[in-house]
Amino acid sequence: VQRLVEAFYKKLCGDGKMDSKRAARALHQAVNSLVHDKQNPM
């Protein structure tokens, strides 16, 4: 959860804008980034 939450908020708010309409995509991107983490895949 800690890894996912960090990745999620980077995807959601990384550009400095908070837009809840981007949450679904940010969740997908965060999970996907952790799935492909070679050191510690989710």
ModelCIF file with pLDDT and N, C-alpha, C, O atoms, coordinates in Angstrom:
data_MODEL
#
_entry.id   MODEL 
#
_entity.id                         1 
_entity.type                       polymer 
_entity.pdbx_number_of_molecules   1 
#
_entity_poly.entity_id                      1 
_entity_poly.type                           'polypeptide(L)' 
_entity_poly.nstd_linkage                   no 
_entity_poly.nstd_monomer                   no 
_entity_poly.pdbx_seq_one_letter_code       VQRLVEAFYKKLCGDGKMDSKRAARALHQAVNSLVHDKQNPM 
_entity_poly.pdbx_seq_one_letter_code_can   VQRLVEAFYKKLCGDGKMDSKRAARALHQAVNSLVHDKQNPM 
_entity_poly.pdbx_strand_id                 A 
#
loop_
_entity_poly_seq.entity_id 
_entity_poly_seq.num 
_entity_poly_seq.mon_id 
_entity_poly_seq.hetero 
1 1  VAL n 
1 2  GLN n 
1 3  ARG n 
1 4  LEU n 
1 5  VAL n 
1 6  GLU n 
1 7  ALA n 
1 8  PHE n 
1 9  TYR n 
1 10 LYS n 
1 11 LYS n 
1 12 LEU n 
1 13 CYS n 
1 14 GLY n 
1 15 ASP n 
1 16 GLY n 
1 17 LYS n 
1 18 MET n 
1 19 ASP n 
1 20 SER n 
1 21 LYS n 
1 22 ARG n 
1 23 ALA n 
1 24 ALA n 
1 25 ARG n 
1 26 ALA n 
1 27 LEU n 
1 28 HIS n 
1 29 GLN n 
1 30 ALA n 
1 31 VAL n 
1 32 ASN n 
1 33 SER n 
1 34 LEU n 
1 35 VAL n 
1 36 HIS n 
1 37 ASP n 
1 38 LYS n 
1 39 GLN n 
1 40 ASN n 
1 41 PRO n 
1 42 MET n 
#
_struct_asym.id          A 
_struct_asym.entity_id   1 
#
loop_
_ma_qa_metric.id 
_ma_qa_metric.mode 
_ma_qa_metric.name 
_ma_qa_metric.software_group_id 
_ma_qa_metric.type 
1 global pLDDT . pLDDT 
2 local  pLDDT . pLDDT 
#
_ma_qa_metric_global.metric_id      1 
_ma_qa_metric_global.metric_value   92.52 
_ma_qa_metric_global.model_id       1 
_ma_qa_metric_global.ordinal_id     1 
#
loop_
_ma_qa_metric_local.label_asym_id 
_ma_qa_metric_local.label_comp_id 
_ma_qa_metric_local.label_seq_id 
_ma_qa_metric_local.metric_id 
_ma_qa_metric_local.metric_value 
_ma_qa_metric_local.model_id 
_ma_qa_metric_local.ordinal_id 
A VAL 1  2 87.00 1 1  
A GLN 2  2 91.00 1 2  
A ARG 3  2 92.00 1 3  
A LEU 4  2 92.00 1 4  
A VAL 5  2 93.00 1 5  
A GLU 6  2 94.00 1 6  
A ALA 7  2 95.00 1 7  
A PHE 8  2 96.00 1 8  
A TYR 9  2 95.00 1 9  
A LYS 10 2 95.00 1 10 
A LYS 11 2 95.00 1 11 
A LEU 12 2 95.00 1 12 
A CYS 13 2 93.00 1 13 
A GLY 14 2 87.00 1 14 
A ASP 15 2 89.00 1 15 
A GLY 16 2 90.00 1 16 
A LYS 17 2 90.00 1 17 
A MET 18 2 89.00 1 18 
A ASP 19 2 93.00 1 19 
A SER 20 2 94.00 1 20 
A LYS 21 2 94.00 1 21 
A ARG 22 2 95.00 1 22 
A ALA 23 2 96.00 1 23 
A ALA 24 2 96.00 1 24 
A ARG 25 2 96.00 1 25 
A ALA 26 2 96.00 1 26 
A LEU 27 2 96.00 1 27 
A HIS 28 2 96.00 1 28 
A GLN 29 2 96.00 1 29 
A ALA 30 2 95.00 1 30 
A VAL 31 2 94.00 1 31 
A ASN 32 2 94.00 1 32 
A SER 33 2 93.00 1 33 
A LEU 34 2 92.00 1 34 
A VAL 35 2 90.00 1 35 
A HIS 36 2 90.00 1 36 
A ASP 37 2 89.00 1 37 
A LYS 38 2 89.00 1 38 
A GLN 39 2 91.00 1 39 
A ASN 40 2 89.00 1 40 
A PRO 41 2 87.00 1 41 
A MET 42 2 87.00 1 42 
#
loop_
_atom_site.group_PDB 
_atom_site.id 
_atom_site.type_symbol 
_atom_site.label_atom_id 
_atom_site.label_alt_id 
_atom_site.label_comp_id 
_atom_site.label_asym_id 
_atom_site.label_entity_id 
_atom_site.label_seq_id 
_atom_site.pdbx_PDB_ins_code 
_atom_site.Cartn_x 
_atom_site.Cartn_y 
_atom_site.Cartn_z 
_atom_site.occupancy 
_atom_site.B_iso_or_equiv 
_atom_site.pdbx_formal_charge 
_atom_site.auth_seq_id 
_atom_site.auth_comp_id 
_atom_site.auth_asym_id 
_atom_site.auth_atom_id 
_atom_site.pdbx_PDB_model_num 
ATOM 1   N N  . VAL A 1 1  ? 0.840   -1.206 0.000   1.00 87.00 ? 1  VAL A N  1 
ATOM 2   C CA . VAL A 1 1  ? 0.000   0.000  0.000   1.00 87.00 ? 1  VAL A CA 1 
ATOM 3   C C  . VAL A 1 1  ? 0.866   1.243  0.000   1.00 87.00 ? 1  VAL A C  1 
ATOM 4   O O  . VAL A 1 1  ? 0.595   2.187  -0.743  1.00 87.00 ? 1  VAL A O  1 
ATOM 5   N N  . GLN A 1 2  ? 1.893   1.259  0.813   1.00 91.00 ? 2  GLN A N  1 
ATOM 6   C CA . GLN A 1 2  ? 2.764   2.428  0.879   1.00 91.00 ? 2  GLN A CA 1 
ATOM 7   C C  . GLN A 1 2  ? 3.395   2.716  -0.479  1.00 91.00 ? 2  GLN A C  1 
ATOM 8   O O  . GLN A 1 2  ? 3.440   3.867  -0.913  1.00 91.00 ? 2  GLN A O  1 
ATOM 9   N N  . ARG A 1 3  ? 3.878   1.683  -1.143  1.00 92.00 ? 3  ARG A N  1 
ATOM 10  C CA . ARG A 1 3  ? 4.475   1.862  -2.480  1.00 92.00 ? 3  ARG A CA 1 
ATOM 11  C C  . ARG A 1 3  ? 3.429   2.351  -3.477  1.00 92.00 ? 3  ARG A C  1 
ATOM 12  O O  . ARG A 1 3  ? 3.694   3.250  -4.276  1.00 92.00 ? 3  ARG A O  1 
ATOM 13  N N  . LEU A 1 4  ? 2.233   1.749  -3.425  1.00 92.00 ? 4  LEU A N  1 
ATOM 14  C CA . LEU A 1 4  ? 1.191   2.123  -4.376  1.00 92.00 ? 4  LEU A CA 1 
ATOM 15  C C  . LEU A 1 4  ? 0.722   3.550  -4.151  1.00 92.00 ? 4  LEU A C  1 
ATOM 16  O O  . LEU A 1 4  ? 0.555   4.311  -5.104  1.00 92.00 ? 4  LEU A O  1 
ATOM 17  N N  . VAL A 1 5  ? 0.511   3.912  -2.902  1.00 93.00 ? 5  VAL A N  1 
ATOM 18  C CA . VAL A 1 5  ? 0.033   5.264  -2.600  1.00 93.00 ? 5  VAL A CA 1 
ATOM 19  C C  . VAL A 1 5  ? 1.035   6.303  -3.105  1.00 93.00 ? 5  VAL A C  1 
ATOM 20  O O  . VAL A 1 5  ? 0.646   7.303  -3.708  1.00 93.00 ? 5  VAL A O  1 
ATOM 21  N N  . GLU A 1 6  ? 2.299   6.068  -2.862  1.00 94.00 ? 6  GLU A N  1 
ATOM 22  C CA . GLU A 1 6  ? 3.318   7.005  -3.347  1.00 94.00 ? 6  GLU A CA 1 
ATOM 23  C C  . GLU A 1 6  ? 3.293   7.115  -4.867  1.00 94.00 ? 6  GLU A C  1 
ATOM 24  O O  . GLU A 1 6  ? 3.319   8.219  -5.411  1.00 94.00 ? 6  GLU A O  1 
ATOM 25  N N  . ALA A 1 7  ? 3.243   5.980  -5.553  1.00 95.00 ? 7  ALA A N  1 
ATOM 26  C CA . ALA A 1 7  ? 3.195   5.993  -7.020  1.00 95.00 ? 7  ALA A CA 1 
ATOM 27  C C  . ALA A 1 7  ? 1.907   6.632  -7.522  1.00 95.00 ? 7  ALA A C  1 
ATOM 28  O O  . ALA A 1 7  ? 1.922   7.377  -8.502  1.00 95.00 ? 7  ALA A O  1 
ATOM 29  N N  . PHE A 1 8  ? 0.791   6.346  -6.853  1.00 96.00 ? 8  PHE A N  1 
ATOM 30  C CA . PHE A 1 8  ? -0.502  6.899  -7.250  1.00 96.00 ? 8  PHE A CA 1 
ATOM 31  C C  . PHE A 1 8  ? -0.498  8.421  -7.199  1.00 96.00 ? 8  PHE A C  1 
ATOM 32  O O  . PHE A 1 8  ? -0.884  9.076  -8.167  1.00 96.00 ? 8  PHE A O  1 
ATOM 33  N N  . TYR A 1 9  ? -0.064  8.989  -6.072  1.00 95.00 ? 9  TYR A N  1 
ATOM 34  C CA . TYR A 1 9  ? -0.098  10.441 -5.946  1.00 95.00 ? 9  TYR A CA 1 
ATOM 35  C C  . TYR A 1 9  ? 0.906   11.123 -6.868  1.00 95.00 ? 9  TYR A C  1 
ATOM 36  O O  . TYR A 1 9  ? 0.673   12.254 -7.296  1.00 95.00 ? 9  TYR A O  1 
ATOM 37  N N  . LYS A 1 10 ? 1.999   10.470 -7.178  1.00 95.00 ? 10 LYS A N  1 
ATOM 38  C CA . LYS A 1 10 ? 2.932   11.027 -8.178  1.00 95.00 ? 10 LYS A CA 1 
ATOM 39  C C  . LYS A 1 10 ? 2.257   11.096 -9.534  1.00 95.00 ? 10 LYS A C  1 
ATOM 40  O O  . LYS A 1 10 ? 2.410   12.078 -10.260 1.00 95.00 ? 10 LYS A O  1 
ATOM 41  N N  . LYS A 1 11 ? 1.510   10.058 -9.875  1.00 95.00 ? 11 LYS A N  1 
ATOM 42  C CA . LYS A 1 11 ? 0.791   10.049 -11.159 1.00 95.00 ? 11 LYS A CA 1 
ATOM 43  C C  . LYS A 1 11 ? -0.365  11.048 -11.149 1.00 95.00 ? 11 LYS A C  1 
ATOM 44  O O  . LYS A 1 11 ? -0.607  11.734 -12.143 1.00 95.00 ? 11 LYS A O  1 
ATOM 45  N N  . LEU A 1 12 ? -1.077  11.128 -10.024 1.00 95.00 ? 12 LEU A N  1 
ATOM 46  C CA . LEU A 1 12 ? -2.255  11.988 -9.942  1.00 95.00 ? 12 LEU A CA 1 
ATOM 47  C C  . LEU A 1 12 ? -1.888  13.469 -9.874  1.00 95.00 ? 12 LEU A C  1 
ATOM 48  O O  . LEU A 1 12 ? -2.512  14.297 -10.537 1.00 95.00 ? 12 LEU A O  1 
ATOM 49  N N  . CYS A 1 13 ? -0.878  13.800 -9.075  1.00 93.00 ? 13 CYS A N  1 
ATOM 50  C CA . CYS A 1 13 ? -0.558  15.207 -8.792  1.00 93.00 ? 13 CYS A CA 1 
ATOM 51  C C  . CYS A 1 13 ? 0.863   15.603 -9.180  1.00 93.00 ? 13 CYS A C  1 
ATOM 52  O O  . CYS A 1 13 ? 1.325   16.682 -8.810  1.00 93.00 ? 13 CYS A O  1 
ATOM 53  N N  . GLY A 1 14 ? 1.546   14.764 -9.903  1.00 87.00 ? 14 GLY A N  1 
ATOM 54  C CA . GLY A 1 14 ? 2.949   15.002 -10.233 1.00 87.00 ? 14 GLY A CA 1 
ATOM 55  C C  . GLY A 1 14 ? 3.202   16.290 -10.984 1.00 87.00 ? 14 GLY A C  1 
ATOM 56  O O  . GLY A 1 14 ? 4.289   16.861 -10.894 1.00 87.00 ? 14 GLY A O  1 
ATOM 57  N N  . ASP A 1 15 ? 2.212   16.753 -11.724 1.00 89.00 ? 15 ASP A N  1 
ATOM 58  C CA . ASP A 1 15 ? 2.382   17.993 -12.485 1.00 89.00 ? 15 ASP A CA 1 
ATOM 59  C C  . ASP A 1 15 ? 1.897   19.214 -11.701 1.00 89.00 ? 15 ASP A C  1 
ATOM 60  O O  . ASP A 1 15 ? 1.828   20.317 -12.243 1.00 89.00 ? 15 ASP A O  1 
ATOM 61  N N  . GLY A 1 16 ? 1.560   19.013 -10.421 1.00 90.00 ? 16 GLY A N  1 
ATOM 62  C CA . GLY A 1 16 ? 1.130   20.123 -9.585  1.00 90.00 ? 16 GLY A CA 1 
ATOM 63  C C  . GLY A 1 16 ? -0.359  20.405 -9.636  1.00 90.00 ? 16 GLY A C  1 
ATOM 64  O O  . GLY A 1 16 ? -0.840  21.298 -8.938  1.00 90.00 ? 16 GLY A O  1 
ATOM 65  N N  . LYS A 1 17 ? -1.097  19.666 -10.444 1.00 90.00 ? 17 LYS A N  1 
ATOM 66  C CA . LYS A 1 17 ? -2.540  19.873 -10.564 1.00 90.00 ? 17 LYS A CA 1 
ATOM 67  C C  . LYS A 1 17 ? -3.275  18.735 -9.865  1.00 90.00 ? 17 LYS A C  1 
ATOM 68  O O  . LYS A 1 17 ? -2.930  17.564 -10.027 1.00 90.00 ? 17 LYS A O  1 
ATOM 69  N N  . MET A 1 18 ? -4.287  19.093 -9.089  1.00 89.00 ? 18 MET A N  1 
ATOM 70  C CA . MET A 1 18 ? -5.115  18.088 -8.422  1.00 89.00 ? 18 MET A CA 1 
ATOM 71  C C  . MET A 1 18 ? -6.443  18.010 -9.155  1.00 89.00 ? 18 MET A C  1 
ATOM 72  O O  . MET A 1 18 ? -7.234  18.952 -9.123  1.00 89.00 ? 18 MET A O  1 
ATOM 73  N N  . ASP A 1 19 ? -6.685  16.887 -9.812  1.00 93.00 ? 19 ASP A N  1 
ATOM 74  C CA . ASP A 1 19 ? -7.911  16.690 -10.569 1.00 93.00 ? 19 ASP A CA 1 
ATOM 75  C C  . ASP A 1 19 ? -8.405  15.272 -10.309 1.00 93.00 ? 19 ASP A C  1 
ATOM 76  O O  . ASP A 1 19 ? -7.796  14.306 -10.769 1.00 93.00 ? 19 ASP A O  1 
ATOM 77  N N  . SER A 1 20 ? -9.496  15.146 -9.581  1.00 94.00 ? 20 SER A N  1 
ATOM 78  C CA . SER A 1 20 ? -10.013 13.828 -9.220  1.00 94.00 ? 20 SER A CA 1 
ATOM 79  C C  . SER A 1 20 ? -10.438 13.009 -10.435 1.00 94.00 ? 20 SER A C  1 
ATOM 80  O O  . SER A 1 20 ? -10.541 11.785 -10.349 1.00 94.00 ? 20 SER A O  1 
ATOM 81  N N  . LYS A 1 21 ? -10.685 13.668 -11.559 1.00 94.00 ? 21 LYS A N  1 
ATOM 82  C CA . LYS A 1 21 ? -11.078 12.946 -12.764 1.00 94.00 ? 21 LYS A CA 1 
ATOM 83  C C  . LYS A 1 21 ? -9.925  12.123 -13.338 1.00 94.00 ? 21 LYS A C  1 
ATOM 84  O O  . LYS A 1 21 ? -10.130 11.298 -14.228 1.00 94.00 ? 21 LYS A O  1 
ATOM 85  N N  . ARG A 1 22 ? -8.728  12.346 -12.833 1.00 95.00 ? 22 ARG A N  1 
ATOM 86  C CA . ARG A 1 22 ? -7.560  11.588 -13.304 1.00 95.00 ? 22 ARG A CA 1 
ATOM 87  C C  . ARG A 1 22 ? -7.263  10.392 -12.397 1.00 95.00 ? 22 ARG A C  1 
ATOM 88  O O  . ARG A 1 22 ? -6.271  9.696  -12.618 1.00 95.00 ? 22 ARG A O  1 
ATOM 89  N N  . ALA A 1 23 ? -8.091  10.137 -11.389 1.00 96.00 ? 23 ALA A N  1 
ATOM 90  C CA . ALA A 1 23 ? -7.796  9.106  -10.391 1.00 96.00 ? 23 ALA A CA 1 
ATOM 91  C C  . ALA A 1 23 ? -7.756  7.695  -10.980 1.00 96.00 ? 23 ALA A C  1 
ATOM 92  O O  . ALA A 1 23 ? -6.854  6.922  -10.655 1.00 96.00 ? 23 ALA A O  1 
ATOM 93  N N  . ALA A 1 24 ? -8.700  7.352  -11.826 1.00 96.00 ? 24 ALA A N  1 
ATOM 94  C CA . ALA A 1 24 ? -8.725  5.996  -12.392 1.00 96.00 ? 24 ALA A CA 1 
ATOM 95  C C  . ALA A 1 24 ? -7.461  5.731  -13.196 1.00 96.00 ? 24 ALA A C  1 
ATOM 96  O O  . ALA A 1 24 ? -6.836  4.680  -13.055 1.00 96.00 ? 24 ALA A O  1 
ATOM 97  N N  . ARG A 1 25 ? -7.091  6.674  -14.028 1.00 96.00 ? 25 ARG A N  1 
ATOM 98  C CA . ARG A 1 25 ? -5.876  6.501  -14.842 1.00 96.00 ? 25 ARG A CA 1 
ATOM 99  C C  . ARG A 1 25 ? -4.641  6.487  -13.951 1.00 96.00 ? 25 ARG A C  1 
ATOM 100 O O  . ARG A 1 25 ? -3.726  5.697  -14.184 1.00 96.00 ? 25 ARG A O  1 
ATOM 101 N N  . ALA A 1 26 ? -4.597  7.339  -12.946 1.00 96.00 ? 26 ALA A N  1 
ATOM 102 C CA . ALA A 1 26 ? -3.447  7.374  -12.037 1.00 96.00 ? 26 ALA A CA 1 
ATOM 103 C C  . ALA A 1 26 ? -3.308  6.041  -11.297 1.00 96.00 ? 26 ALA A C  1 
ATOM 104 O O  . ALA A 1 26 ? -2.193  5.557  -11.099 1.00 96.00 ? 26 ALA A O  1 
ATOM 105 N N  . LEU A 1 27 ? -4.426  5.451  -10.890 1.00 96.00 ? 27 LEU A N  1 
ATOM 106 C CA . LEU A 1 27 ? -4.381  4.155  -10.224 1.00 96.00 ? 27 LEU A CA 1 
ATOM 107 C C  . LEU A 1 27 ? -3.840  3.091  -11.177 1.00 96.00 ? 27 LEU A C  1 
ATOM 108 O O  . LEU A 1 27 ? -2.973  2.300  -10.806 1.00 96.00 ? 27 LEU A O  1 
ATOM 109 N N  . HIS A 1 28 ? -4.348  3.076  -12.388 1.00 96.00 ? 28 HIS A N  1 
ATOM 110 C CA . HIS A 1 28 ? -3.868  2.121  -13.392 1.00 96.00 ? 28 HIS A CA 1 
ATOM 111 C C  . HIS A 1 28 ? -2.366  2.292  -13.638 1.00 96.00 ? 28 HIS A C  1 
ATOM 112 O O  . HIS A 1 28 ? -1.623  1.311  -13.659 1.00 96.00 ? 28 HIS A O  1 
ATOM 113 N N  . GLN A 1 29 ? -1.929  3.517  -13.821 1.00 96.00 ? 29 GLN A N  1 
ATOM 114 C CA . GLN A 1 29 ? -0.515  3.771  -14.082 1.00 96.00 ? 29 GLN A CA 1 
ATOM 115 C C  . GLN A 1 29 ? 0.368   3.401  -12.891 1.00 96.00 ? 29 GLN A C  1 
ATOM 116 O O  . GLN A 1 29 ? 1.462   2.867  -13.069 1.00 96.00 ? 29 GLN A O  1 
ATOM 117 N N  . ALA A 1 30 ? -0.105  3.684  -11.683 1.00 95.00 ? 30 ALA A N  1 
ATOM 118 C CA . ALA A 1 30 ? 0.673   3.358  -10.484 1.00 95.00 ? 30 ALA A CA 1 
ATOM 119 C C  . ALA A 1 30 ? 0.833   1.848  -10.340 1.00 95.00 ? 30 ALA A C  1 
ATOM 120 O O  . ALA A 1 30 ? 1.935   1.357  -10.093 1.00 95.00 ? 30 ALA A O  1 
ATOM 121 N N  . VAL A 1 31 ? -0.263  1.117  -10.494 1.00 94.00 ? 31 VAL A N  1 
ATOM 122 C CA . VAL A 1 31 ? -0.191  -0.348 -10.411 1.00 94.00 ? 31 VAL A CA 1 
ATOM 123 C C  . VAL A 1 31 ? 0.740   -0.877 -11.493 1.00 94.00 ? 31 VAL A C  1 
ATOM 124 O O  . VAL A 1 31 ? 1.596   -1.721 -11.226 1.00 94.00 ? 31 VAL A O  1 
ATOM 125 N N  . ASN A 1 32 ? 0.572   -0.387 -12.695 1.00 94.00 ? 32 ASN A N  1 
ATOM 126 C CA . ASN A 1 32 ? 1.393   -0.841 -13.813 1.00 94.00 ? 32 ASN A CA 1 
ATOM 127 C C  . ASN A 1 32 ? 2.880   -0.577 -13.557 1.00 94.00 ? 32 ASN A C  1 
ATOM 128 O O  . ASN A 1 32 ? 3.721   -1.417 -13.879 1.00 94.00 ? 32 ASN A O  1 
ATOM 129 N N  . SER A 1 33 ? 3.202   0.557  -12.993 1.00 93.00 ? 33 SER A N  1 
ATOM 130 C CA . SER A 1 33 ? 4.612   0.865  -12.719 1.00 93.00 ? 33 SER A CA 1 
ATOM 131 C C  . SER A 1 33 ? 5.186   -0.091 -11.674 1.00 93.00 ? 33 SER A C  1 
ATOM 132 O O  . SER A 1 33 ? 6.359   -0.453 -11.756 1.00 93.00 ? 33 SER A O  1 
ATOM 133 N N  . LEU A 1 34 ? 4.384   -0.502 -10.699 1.00 92.00 ? 34 LEU A N  1 
ATOM 134 C CA . LEU A 1 34 ? 4.860   -1.425 -9.667  1.00 92.00 ? 34 LEU A CA 1 
ATOM 135 C C  . LEU A 1 34 ? 4.912   -2.870 -10.171 1.00 92.00 ? 34 LEU A C  1 
ATOM 136 O O  . LEU A 1 34 ? 5.724   -3.662 -9.693  1.00 92.00 ? 34 LEU A O  1 
ATOM 137 N N  . VAL A 1 35 ? 4.071   -3.210 -11.109 1.00 90.00 ? 35 VAL A N  1 
ATOM 138 C CA . VAL A 1 35 ? 4.111   -4.540 -11.717 1.00 90.00 ? 35 VAL A CA 1 
ATOM 139 C C  . VAL A 1 35 ? 5.433   -4.722 -12.455 1.00 90.00 ? 35 VAL A C  1 
ATOM 140 O O  . VAL A 1 35 ? 6.015   -5.806 -12.439 1.00 90.00 ? 35 VAL A O  1 
ATOM 141 N N  . HIS A 1 36 ? 5.901   -3.661 -13.099 1.00 90.00 ? 36 HIS A N  1 
ATOM 142 C CA . HIS A 1 36 ? 7.121   -3.728 -13.899 1.00 90.00 ? 36 HIS A CA 1 
ATOM 143 C C  . HIS A 1 36 ? 8.376   -3.328 -13.129 1.00 90.00 ? 36 HIS A C  1 
ATOM 144 O O  . HIS A 1 36 ? 9.431   -3.134 -13.732 1.00 90.00 ? 36 HIS A O  1 
ATOM 145 N N  . ASP A 1 37 ? 8.278   -3.205 -11.829 1.00 89.00 ? 37 ASP A N  1 
ATOM 146 C CA . ASP A 1 37 ? 9.434   -2.910 -10.988 1.00 89.00 ? 37 ASP A CA 1 
ATOM 147 C C  . ASP A 1 37 ? 10.305  -4.167 -10.916 1.00 89.00 ? 37 ASP A C  1 
ATOM 148 O O  . ASP A 1 37 ? 9.923   -5.152 -10.283 1.00 89.00 ? 37 ASP A O  1 
ATOM 149 N N  . LYS A 1 38 ? 11.466  -4.135 -11.560 1.00 89.00 ? 38 LYS A N  1 
ATOM 150 C CA . LYS A 1 38 ? 12.347  -5.312 -11.643 1.00 89.00 ? 38 LYS A CA 1 
ATOM 151 C C  . LYS A 1 38 ? 12.864  -5.739 -10.275 1.00 89.00 ? 38 LYS A C  1 
ATOM 152 O O  . LYS A 1 38 ? 13.061  -6.931 -10.037 1.00 89.00 ? 38 LYS A O  1 
ATOM 153 N N  . GLN A 1 39 ? 13.087  -4.783 -9.371  1.00 91.00 ? 39 GLN A N  1 
ATOM 154 C CA . GLN A 1 39 ? 13.616  -5.078 -8.040  1.00 91.00 ? 39 GLN A CA 1 
ATOM 155 C C  . GLN A 1 39 ? 12.575  -5.755 -7.145  1.00 91.00 ? 39 GLN A C  1 
ATOM 156 O O  . GLN A 1 39 ? 12.892  -6.688 -6.407  1.00 91.00 ? 39 GLN A O  1 
ATOM 157 N N  . ASN A 1 40 ? 11.338  -5.279 -7.219  1.00 89.00 ? 40 ASN A N  1 
ATOM 158 C CA . ASN A 1 40 ? 10.305  -5.745 -6.300  1.00 89.00 ? 40 ASN A CA 1 
ATOM 159 C C  . ASN A 1 40 ? 8.934   -5.672 -6.980  1.00 89.00 ? 40 ASN A C  1 
ATOM 160 O O  . ASN A 1 40 ? 8.132   -4.796 -6.655  1.00 89.00 ? 40 ASN A O  1 
ATOM 161 N N  . PRO A 1 41 ? 8.657   -6.584 -7.921  1.00 87.00 ? 41 PRO A N  1 
ATOM 162 C CA . PRO A 1 41 ? 7.368   -6.520 -8.621  1.00 87.00 ? 41 PRO A CA 1 
ATOM 163 C C  . PRO A 1 41 ? 6.198   -6.778 -7.681  1.00 87.00 ? 41 PRO A C  1 
ATOM 164 O O  . PRO A 1 41 ? 6.280   -7.600 -6.769  1.00 87.00 ? 41 PRO A O  1 
ATOM 165 N N  . MET A 1 42 ? 5.127   -6.068 -7.920  1.00 87.00 ? 42 MET A N  1 
ATOM 166 C CA . MET A 1 42 ? 3.919   -6.191 -7.091  1.00 87.00 ? 42 MET A CA 1 
ATOM 167 C C  . MET A 1 42 ? 3.248   -7.532 -7.356  1.00 87.00 ? 42 MET A C  1 
ATOM 168 O O  . MET A 1 42 ? 2.215   -7.834 -6.759  1.00 87.00 ? 42 MET A O  1 
#
